[in-house]
Amino acid sequence: MTRRSLLIAAMTSIAITVARSGHELPVYPSYYPHEIEIATVASERAADLLRDGKMHAYVGGTPRFAGASPETISAVESHGSFVIVRVNPVSQLAKDEASICALTRAVIREIGGKAGELILHPYPVTPFHGDFLNHVDLAAAAKARLLGNPTDATGAIVGELKVKTVGALARSLVRAEWQAGEFDWDVAINQVSADDLVASASVALNGWLGPRWVRTGWFAAYRLLVDAIVDPARRRRIEADAERLRAGDYDGAVERINLERDLVGALVGGCRKTVAGYTLKREYFNSEFSAGIENVAYDAHEGFNSPMFIRTVKLKDFPWNGWLALGVDGRAQAAWNPIAGFTDPFGRLMWSALGDPAAVPSPYDENWVFNRISDVASKPRR
């Protein structure tokens, strides 16, 4: 077994319930390929392998097609990254809370007017989070607060701004005269991967995945923004609310929702660190008939790199199993063990194929769905 390519005998034996009259059962627990190949593939090669039918899906990266992608290649979209605006606390322009908010508004208004990958959404709970509907009014209020009045004091500081950008997207959003070096900057713009944010807080152990709150919008907001809270009283309140949510210390759904809203509201109340918006991630797969795949489910935050993808994808050439070839962008780097390893994209995908948890994350919200078992009401014997 090499770190570059892994062949997994996912189903070496299957226990089938007895079926009468010599027929197999008509329903199978999942379309699980009996052999899965996971290989690290550079983006330059991924396009050719997908087009030629030698790879079924490319996980986590963007293949480089020469021109438009072929009709036999399809794509899915998931949450790509958060775009973060952070004010330098030692900047000469950051004199007080009002000036800090003026700096943040100036930058968000600037990048919000640029067409491109950024979807302007100055609130940490996004439409990709299952609890977003509980925050719609707060998201609208945050957008109005940061973008509402174009005649405020932001105009006076525009010409003086020095912005540090991390990554190609951030550089494309900021005018050339604002670009700053590594140390002498007023505001920084960078991206935080939604996939990494979920994965870095997840635990997979002995068939258990969790914690249960890892995919919620309030937890994403907490992970992204809590380090910028400098007021001790406000920080204590935030930590107390987060602990109550983790412990389930609330009486019913109404109190839980109000607690989540209060927590996120406290996190976005300042301007030292702000979510300006988010980007989309596109992952490609071969949908050709009959060499491609179908029945493709993917995760709202992790895309193809999720247990749900492995447990639903079906090869068109086979009724329920077959040989699935996947490519991953990036070499395996993490330790290969179920306690402290499998934390990089390659390892997480491999563990999704090897592991068999009782429940897996629902692909479109923060809930969980059963794997190989059903939640049914028992009926008394007649």
Protein backbone atom coordinates (compact mmCIF):
# COMPACT_ATOMS: atom_id res chain seq x y z
CA MET A 1 0.00 0.00 0.00
CA THR A 2 1.52 3.34 -1.03
CA ARG A 3 0.69 6.86 0.10
CA ARG A 4 0.09 7.90 -3.48
CA SER A 5 -2.55 5.37 -4.35
CA LEU A 6 -4.79 3.28 -2.13
CA LEU A 7 -6.91 0.32 -3.15
CA ILE A 8 -9.62 -0.37 -0.63
CA ALA A 9 -11.48 -3.64 -0.66
CA ALA A 10 -14.56 -2.02 0.79
CA MET A 11 -16.82 -5.03 0.62
CA THR A 12 -15.00 -8.35 0.74
CA SER A 13 -18.02 -10.18 2.04
CA ILE A 14 -21.68 -9.26 2.36
CA ALA A 15 -24.16 -10.87 4.69
CA ILE A 16 -27.50 -11.05 2.89
CA THR A 17 -30.74 -11.76 4.71
CA VAL A 18 -32.38 -14.95 3.51
CA ALA A 19 -34.54 -14.31 0.45
CA ARG A 20 -37.20 -16.76 -0.67
CA SER A 21 -37.57 -18.43 -4.08
CA GLY A 22 -33.87 -18.13 -4.93
CA HIS A 23 -33.92 -14.32 -5.47
CA GLU A 24 -31.76 -11.62 -3.92
CA LEU A 25 -33.33 -8.88 -1.87
CA PRO A 26 -34.47 -6.01 -4.11
CA VAL A 27 -33.09 -3.29 -1.79
CA TYR A 28 -29.44 -2.82 -0.84
CA PRO A 29 -28.18 -0.69 2.06
CA SER A 30 -26.12 1.57 -0.21
CA TYR A 31 -24.45 1.78 -3.59
CA TYR A 32 -21.05 1.00 -2.15
CA PRO A 33 -18.29 0.22 -4.68
CA HIS A 34 -16.42 -2.95 -3.79
CA GLU A 35 -13.12 -1.38 -4.80
CA ILE A 36 -12.15 2.27 -4.39
CA GLU A 37 -8.93 3.76 -5.69
CA ILE A 38 -7.84 7.06 -4.16
CA ALA A 39 -4.84 8.70 -5.82
CA THR A 40 -3.18 12.09 -5.51
CA VAL A 41 -3.57 13.86 -8.84
CA ALA A 42 -2.22 17.24 -9.90
CA SER A 43 -4.79 19.64 -11.32
CA GLU A 44 -2.94 19.62 -14.66
CA ARG A 45 -3.65 15.89 -15.09
CA ALA A 46 -7.11 15.79 -13.55
CA ALA A 47 -8.89 17.23 -16.59
CA ASP A 48 -7.45 14.58 -18.94
CA LEU A 49 -8.22 11.72 -16.55
CA LEU A 50 -11.82 12.86 -16.11
CA ARG A 51 -12.35 13.36 -19.82
CA ASP A 52 -10.86 9.96 -20.71
CA GLY A 53 -12.95 8.12 -18.11
CA LYS A 54 -9.93 7.06 -16.07
CA MET A 55 -11.08 8.99 -13.00
CA HIS A 56 -14.66 9.38 -11.81
CA ALA A 57 -14.36 12.45 -9.55
CA TYR A 58 -11.75 15.00 -8.49
CA VAL A 59 -11.97 15.82 -4.79
CA GLY A 60 -11.03 19.24 -3.41
CA GLY A 61 -9.38 20.74 -6.49
CA THR A 62 -10.18 22.38 -9.80
CA PRO A 63 -9.07 20.55 -12.95
CA ARG A 64 -7.53 22.72 -15.65
CA PHE A 65 -9.55 22.17 -18.79
CA ALA A 66 -8.31 23.54 -22.11
CA GLY A 67 -11.31 25.76 -22.81
CA ALA A 68 -14.81 24.84 -21.67
CA SER A 69 -15.29 21.57 -19.82
CA PRO A 70 -16.74 18.72 -21.93
CA GLU A 71 -20.47 17.93 -21.77
CA THR A 72 -19.62 14.61 -20.12
CA ILE A 73 -18.09 16.42 -17.14
CA SER A 74 -20.46 17.83 -14.49
CA ALA A 75 -19.80 19.91 -11.38
CA VAL A 76 -21.32 20.40 -7.93
CA GLU A 77 -21.06 23.53 -5.78
CA SER A 78 -20.51 23.70 -2.03
CA HIS A 79 -19.30 26.25 0.50
CA GLY A 80 -15.74 27.16 -0.45
CA SER A 81 -14.38 29.63 2.09
CA PHE A 82 -15.09 32.58 4.35
CA VAL A 83 -13.47 35.89 3.38
CA ILE A 84 -12.29 37.64 6.54
CA VAL A 85 -11.48 41.33 7.10
CA ARG A 86 -9.29 41.97 10.16
CA VAL A 87 -8.12 45.36 11.49
CA ASN A 88 -4.56 45.69 12.77
CA PRO A 89 -4.86 46.71 16.45
CA VAL A 90 -1.61 48.74 16.26
CA SER A 91 -2.61 50.66 13.13
CA GLN A 92 -2.47 54.45 13.45
CA LEU A 93 -5.94 54.57 11.87
CA ALA A 94 -7.46 52.24 14.49
CA LYS A 95 -7.75 54.80 17.29
CA ASP A 96 -11.04 53.64 18.82
CA GLU A 97 -14.01 51.42 18.10
CA ALA A 98 -15.59 54.00 15.76
CA SER A 99 -12.45 54.30 13.63
CA ILE A 100 -12.03 50.51 13.58
CA CYS A 101 -15.57 50.14 12.22
CA ALA A 102 -14.88 52.88 9.66
CA LEU A 103 -11.85 50.93 8.41
CA THR A 104 -13.87 47.72 8.16
CA ARG A 105 -16.72 49.42 6.31
CA ALA A 106 -14.33 51.04 3.85
CA VAL A 107 -12.74 47.72 2.92
CA ILE A 108 -15.99 45.75 2.72
CA ARG A 109 -17.60 48.40 0.53
CA GLU A 110 -14.55 48.36 -1.72
CA ILE A 111 -14.42 44.59 -2.19
CA GLY A 112 -18.21 44.32 -2.34
CA GLY A 113 -18.23 46.38 -5.52
CA LYS A 114 -15.85 44.01 -7.31
CA ALA A 115 -17.33 41.33 -9.56
CA GLY A 116 -15.80 37.92 -9.11
CA GLU A 117 -15.78 34.93 -6.83
CA LEU A 118 -16.76 36.74 -3.63
CA ILE A 119 -20.42 36.63 -2.58
CA LEU A 120 -20.91 39.62 -0.29
CA HIS A 121 -22.45 38.39 2.98
CA PRO A 122 -21.09 40.19 6.08
CA TYR A 123 -22.39 37.61 8.54
CA PRO A 124 -20.75 34.34 9.63
CA VAL A 125 -23.84 32.12 9.28
CA THR A 126 -24.31 31.49 5.56
CA PRO A 127 -27.08 29.91 3.43
CA PHE A 128 -24.98 26.73 3.47
CA HIS A 129 -25.63 26.32 7.21
CA GLY A 130 -28.78 24.44 8.16
CA ASP A 131 -29.60 27.00 10.86
CA PHE A 132 -29.38 30.01 8.52
CA LEU A 133 -33.14 30.62 8.56
CA ASN A 134 -32.85 31.38 12.27
CA HIS A 135 -30.44 34.22 11.43
CA VAL A 136 -31.91 35.82 8.29
CA ASP A 137 -32.95 39.05 10.02
CA LEU A 138 -29.61 39.36 11.85
CA ALA A 139 -27.71 38.82 8.60
CA ALA A 140 -29.75 41.57 6.91
CA ALA A 141 -29.13 43.92 9.84
CA ALA A 142 -25.38 43.26 9.75
CA LYS A 143 -25.30 44.00 6.02
CA ALA A 144 -27.20 47.26 6.53
CA ARG A 145 -24.87 48.27 9.37
CA LEU A 146 -21.71 47.73 7.32
CA LEU A 147 -22.93 48.88 3.89
CA GLY A 148 -25.88 51.13 4.66
CA ASN A 149 -24.81 54.80 4.68
CA PRO A 150 -22.22 55.65 1.98
CA THR A 151 -21.82 59.21 3.28
CA ASP A 152 -20.29 58.36 6.66
CA ALA A 153 -16.66 58.92 7.68
CA THR A 154 -15.16 56.13 5.55
CA GLY A 155 -14.42 58.46 2.65
CA ALA A 156 -11.83 60.40 4.63
CA ILE A 157 -9.58 57.36 5.17
CA VAL A 158 -9.82 55.64 1.79
CA GLY A 159 -6.70 57.25 0.39
CA GLU A 160 -4.60 56.31 3.43
CA LEU A 161 -5.47 52.63 3.73
CA LYS A 162 -2.81 49.92 3.61
CA VAL A 163 -4.28 46.46 3.10
CA LYS A 164 -2.43 43.17 3.47
CA THR A 165 -3.87 40.49 1.19
CA VAL A 166 -3.41 36.74 1.54
CA GLY A 167 -4.17 34.72 -1.59
CA ALA A 168 -5.03 35.50 -5.19
CA LEU A 169 -8.69 36.25 -4.50
CA ALA A 170 -7.87 38.86 -1.83
CA ARG A 171 -5.35 40.55 -4.12
CA SER A 172 -7.91 40.77 -6.92
CA LEU A 173 -10.41 42.53 -4.62
CA VAL A 174 -8.19 45.38 -3.49
CA ARG A 175 -7.02 48.36 -5.55
CA ALA A 176 -3.31 48.46 -6.31
CA GLU A 177 -2.55 51.59 -4.25
CA TRP A 178 -3.92 49.89 -1.13
CA GLN A 179 -1.63 46.88 -1.32
CA ALA A 180 0.66 46.67 1.72
CA GLY A 181 3.57 44.56 2.91
CA GLU A 182 3.76 41.91 5.59
CA PHE A 183 4.18 44.27 8.56
CA ASP A 184 3.03 47.79 7.68
CA TRP A 185 -0.73 47.36 7.22
CA ASP A 186 -4.03 48.66 8.56
CA VAL A 187 -6.40 45.92 7.44
CA ALA A 188 -5.83 42.32 6.33
CA ILE A 189 -7.99 40.21 4.01
CA ASN A 190 -7.68 36.44 3.96
CA GLN A 191 -9.71 33.29 3.37
CA VAL A 192 -10.64 30.48 5.75
CA SER A 193 -11.60 27.20 4.10
CA ALA A 194 -15.07 26.01 5.14
CA ASP A 195 -13.90 22.42 4.65
CA ASP A 196 -10.88 22.88 6.93
CA LEU A 197 -12.96 24.72 9.54
CA VAL A 198 -15.30 21.74 9.88
CA ALA A 199 -12.59 19.09 9.59
CA SER A 200 -10.26 20.68 12.14
CA ALA A 201 -12.98 20.54 14.81
CA SER A 202 -14.25 17.05 13.93
CA VAL A 203 -13.41 13.79 15.65
CA ALA A 204 -13.74 10.32 14.08
CA LEU A 205 -13.20 7.53 16.58
CA ASN A 206 -14.42 3.93 16.69
CA GLY A 207 -17.31 4.53 14.32
CA TRP A 208 -18.29 7.82 16.01
CA LEU A 209 -18.29 11.17 14.23
CA GLY A 210 -18.72 14.45 15.99
CA PRO A 211 -19.16 16.60 17.87
CA ARG A 212 -22.81 17.17 17.01
CA TRP A 213 -22.51 20.96 16.78
CA VAL A 214 -19.49 21.01 14.45
CA ARG A 215 -21.53 21.92 11.34
CA THR A 216 -23.76 24.60 12.87
CA GLY A 217 -23.56 28.25 11.90
CA TRP A 218 -23.13 29.44 15.48
CA PHE A 219 -20.09 27.19 15.92
CA ALA A 220 -18.55 28.46 12.67
CA ALA A 221 -19.06 32.03 13.91
CA TYR A 222 -17.46 31.14 17.25
CA ARG A 223 -14.41 29.52 15.62
CA LEU A 224 -13.93 32.42 13.21
CA LEU A 225 -14.44 35.45 15.45
CA VAL A 226 -13.96 34.68 19.15
CA ASP A 227 -10.22 35.42 19.11
CA ALA A 228 -10.92 39.05 18.20
CA ILE A 229 -13.08 39.76 21.27
CA VAL A 230 -11.06 41.98 23.63
CA ASP A 231 -13.71 43.06 26.14
CA PRO A 232 -13.44 40.63 29.12
CA ALA A 233 -17.12 40.78 30.08
CA ARG A 234 -18.28 40.20 26.53
CA ARG A 235 -15.79 37.34 26.12
CA ARG A 236 -17.08 35.65 29.30
CA ARG A 237 -20.65 35.94 28.06
CA ILE A 238 -19.74 34.41 24.70
CA GLU A 239 -17.86 31.53 26.30
CA ALA A 240 -20.74 30.86 28.70
CA ASP A 241 -23.30 30.80 25.85
CA ALA A 242 -21.09 28.51 23.76
CA GLU A 243 -20.68 26.11 26.68
CA ARG A 244 -24.45 26.00 27.23
CA LEU A 245 -25.00 25.13 23.57
CA ARG A 246 -22.36 22.42 23.67
CA ALA A 247 -23.81 20.95 26.86
CA GLY A 248 -27.44 21.15 25.71
CA ASP A 249 -28.22 23.41 28.67
CA TYR A 250 -31.45 24.90 27.34
CA ASP A 251 -35.16 24.17 27.55
CA GLY A 252 -36.45 23.34 24.09
CA ALA A 253 -35.87 24.58 20.55
CA VAL A 254 -36.99 28.18 21.17
CA GLU A 255 -34.47 28.76 23.94
CA ARG A 256 -31.75 27.06 21.89
CA ILE A 257 -32.39 29.26 18.86
CA ASN A 258 -32.44 32.43 20.96
CA LEU A 259 -29.20 31.36 22.63
CA GLU A 260 -27.56 30.79 19.23
CA ARG A 261 -28.75 34.18 17.99
CA ASP A 262 -27.45 35.93 21.11
CA LEU A 263 -24.08 34.23 20.76
CA VAL A 264 -23.61 35.18 17.10
CA GLY A 265 -24.91 38.68 17.80
CA ALA A 266 -22.25 39.16 20.47
CA LEU A 267 -19.55 37.87 18.10
CA VAL A 268 -20.46 40.26 15.27
CA GLY A 269 -21.09 43.27 17.48
CA GLY A 270 -17.60 44.66 16.92
CA CYS A 271 -15.52 45.37 13.84
CA ARG A 272 -12.03 44.13 14.70
CA LYS A 273 -12.60 40.93 12.73
CA THR A 274 -15.50 40.59 10.32
CA VAL A 275 -16.75 38.07 7.80
CA ALA A 276 -17.13 39.97 4.52
CA GLY A 277 -18.62 37.11 2.51
CA TYR A 278 -17.98 33.66 1.17
CA THR A 279 -16.90 31.83 -1.97
CA LEU A 280 -18.13 28.69 -3.71
CA LYS A 281 -16.19 25.49 -4.31
CA ARG A 282 -16.77 23.53 -7.53
CA GLU A 283 -15.83 19.88 -7.80
CA TYR A 284 -16.02 17.93 -11.02
CA PHE A 285 -17.05 14.39 -11.90
CA ASN A 286 -17.54 12.25 -14.99
CA SER A 287 -21.26 11.91 -15.74
CA GLU A 288 -20.88 10.17 -19.09
CA PHE A 289 -23.16 7.28 -19.91
CA SER A 290 -22.12 4.63 -19.20
CA ALA A 291 -18.55 5.21 -17.96
CA GLY A 292 -19.48 7.89 -15.42
CA ILE A 293 -21.18 8.06 -12.03
CA GLU A 294 -24.62 9.08 -10.77
CA ASN A 295 -26.62 9.27 -7.54
CA VAL A 296 -24.06 11.84 -6.36
CA ALA A 297 -24.68 13.35 -2.92
CA TYR A 298 -22.19 15.84 -1.50
CA ASP A 299 -21.75 17.85 1.65
CA ALA A 300 -22.65 21.54 1.91
CA HIS A 301 -19.28 22.37 3.52
CA GLU A 302 -16.97 19.49 2.64
CA GLY A 303 -18.19 18.73 -0.88
CA PHE A 304 -17.07 15.32 -2.12
CA ASN A 305 -14.78 14.79 0.87
CA SER A 306 -17.56 13.45 3.07
CA PRO A 307 -19.00 10.09 4.16
CA MET A 308 -22.22 10.88 2.30
CA PHE A 309 -20.51 10.99 -1.09
CA ILE A 310 -18.84 7.61 -0.64
CA ARG A 311 -22.12 6.04 0.55
CA THR A 312 -24.32 7.25 -2.29
CA VAL A 313 -22.22 7.47 -5.47
CA LYS A 314 -23.17 4.82 -8.00
CA LEU A 315 -21.30 3.77 -11.12
CA LYS A 316 -23.54 3.77 -14.16
CA ASP A 317 -21.98 0.55 -15.47
CA PHE A 318 -22.99 -1.44 -12.38
CA PRO A 319 -26.32 -1.92 -10.60
CA TRP A 320 -24.91 -1.30 -7.13
CA ASN A 321 -21.13 -1.59 -6.89
CA GLY A 322 -18.01 -1.65 -9.08
CA TRP A 323 -14.62 0.05 -9.30
CA LEU A 324 -14.57 3.72 -8.29
CA ALA A 325 -11.53 5.87 -9.14
CA LEU A 326 -11.11 9.14 -7.22
CA GLY A 327 -8.42 11.81 -7.44
CA VAL A 328 -7.42 14.09 -4.57
CA ASP A 329 -5.70 17.44 -4.90
CA GLY A 330 -2.67 17.23 -2.62
CA ARG A 331 -0.44 14.49 -1.30
CA ALA A 332 -1.15 12.57 1.90
CA GLN A 333 0.64 14.25 4.80
CA ALA A 334 -1.14 13.34 8.05
CA ALA A 335 -0.44 10.29 10.21
CA TRP A 336 -2.26 7.14 9.20
CA ASN A 337 -4.02 6.10 12.37
CA PRO A 338 -7.60 6.45 13.63
CA ILE A 339 -6.65 8.25 16.85
CA ALA A 340 -4.60 11.28 15.80
CA GLY A 341 -4.35 10.84 12.06
CA PHE A 342 -6.33 10.95 8.81
CA THR A 343 -6.73 14.71 9.23
CA ASP A 344 -5.59 15.86 5.78
CA PRO A 345 -7.93 15.74 2.74
CA PHE A 346 -6.47 12.44 1.49
CA GLY A 347 -6.75 10.78 4.90
CA ARG A 348 -10.28 12.06 5.57
CA LEU A 349 -11.54 10.67 2.26
CA MET A 350 -9.84 7.34 2.93
CA TRP A 351 -11.34 7.14 6.42
CA SER A 352 -14.79 7.91 5.01
CA ALA A 353 -14.38 4.83 2.82
CA LEU A 354 -12.96 2.59 5.56
CA GLY A 355 -15.05 3.68 8.52
CA ASP A 356 -18.60 2.53 9.11
CA PRO A 357 -20.21 4.90 11.66
CA ALA A 358 -23.75 4.43 12.89
CA ALA A 359 -24.70 7.92 11.69
CA VAL A 360 -23.11 10.30 9.17
CA PRO A 361 -23.51 14.06 8.72
CA SER A 362 -26.54 15.12 6.73
CA PRO A 363 -25.23 16.68 3.51
CA TYR A 364 -27.27 19.89 3.66
CA ASP A 365 -27.70 20.83 7.32
CA GLU A 366 -26.25 20.35 10.78
CA ASN A 367 -28.21 17.16 11.52
CA TRP A 368 -27.25 13.51 11.16
CA VAL A 369 -28.68 10.60 9.17
CA PHE A 370 -28.49 6.93 10.02
CA ASN A 371 -26.07 4.71 8.13
CA ARG A 372 -27.33 1.16 7.47
CA ILE A 373 -30.04 1.41 10.16
CA SER A 374 -33.51 2.94 10.14
CA ASP A 375 -35.50 4.91 12.68
CA VAL A 376 -38.87 3.16 12.58
CA ALA A 377 -41.73 2.81 15.03
CA SER A 378 -42.12 -0.75 16.23
CA LYS A 379 -45.50 -2.42 15.82
CA PRO A 380 -46.97 -4.84 18.35
CA ARG A 381 -47.19 -8.47 17.31
CA ARG A 382 -50.57 -9.69 16.11
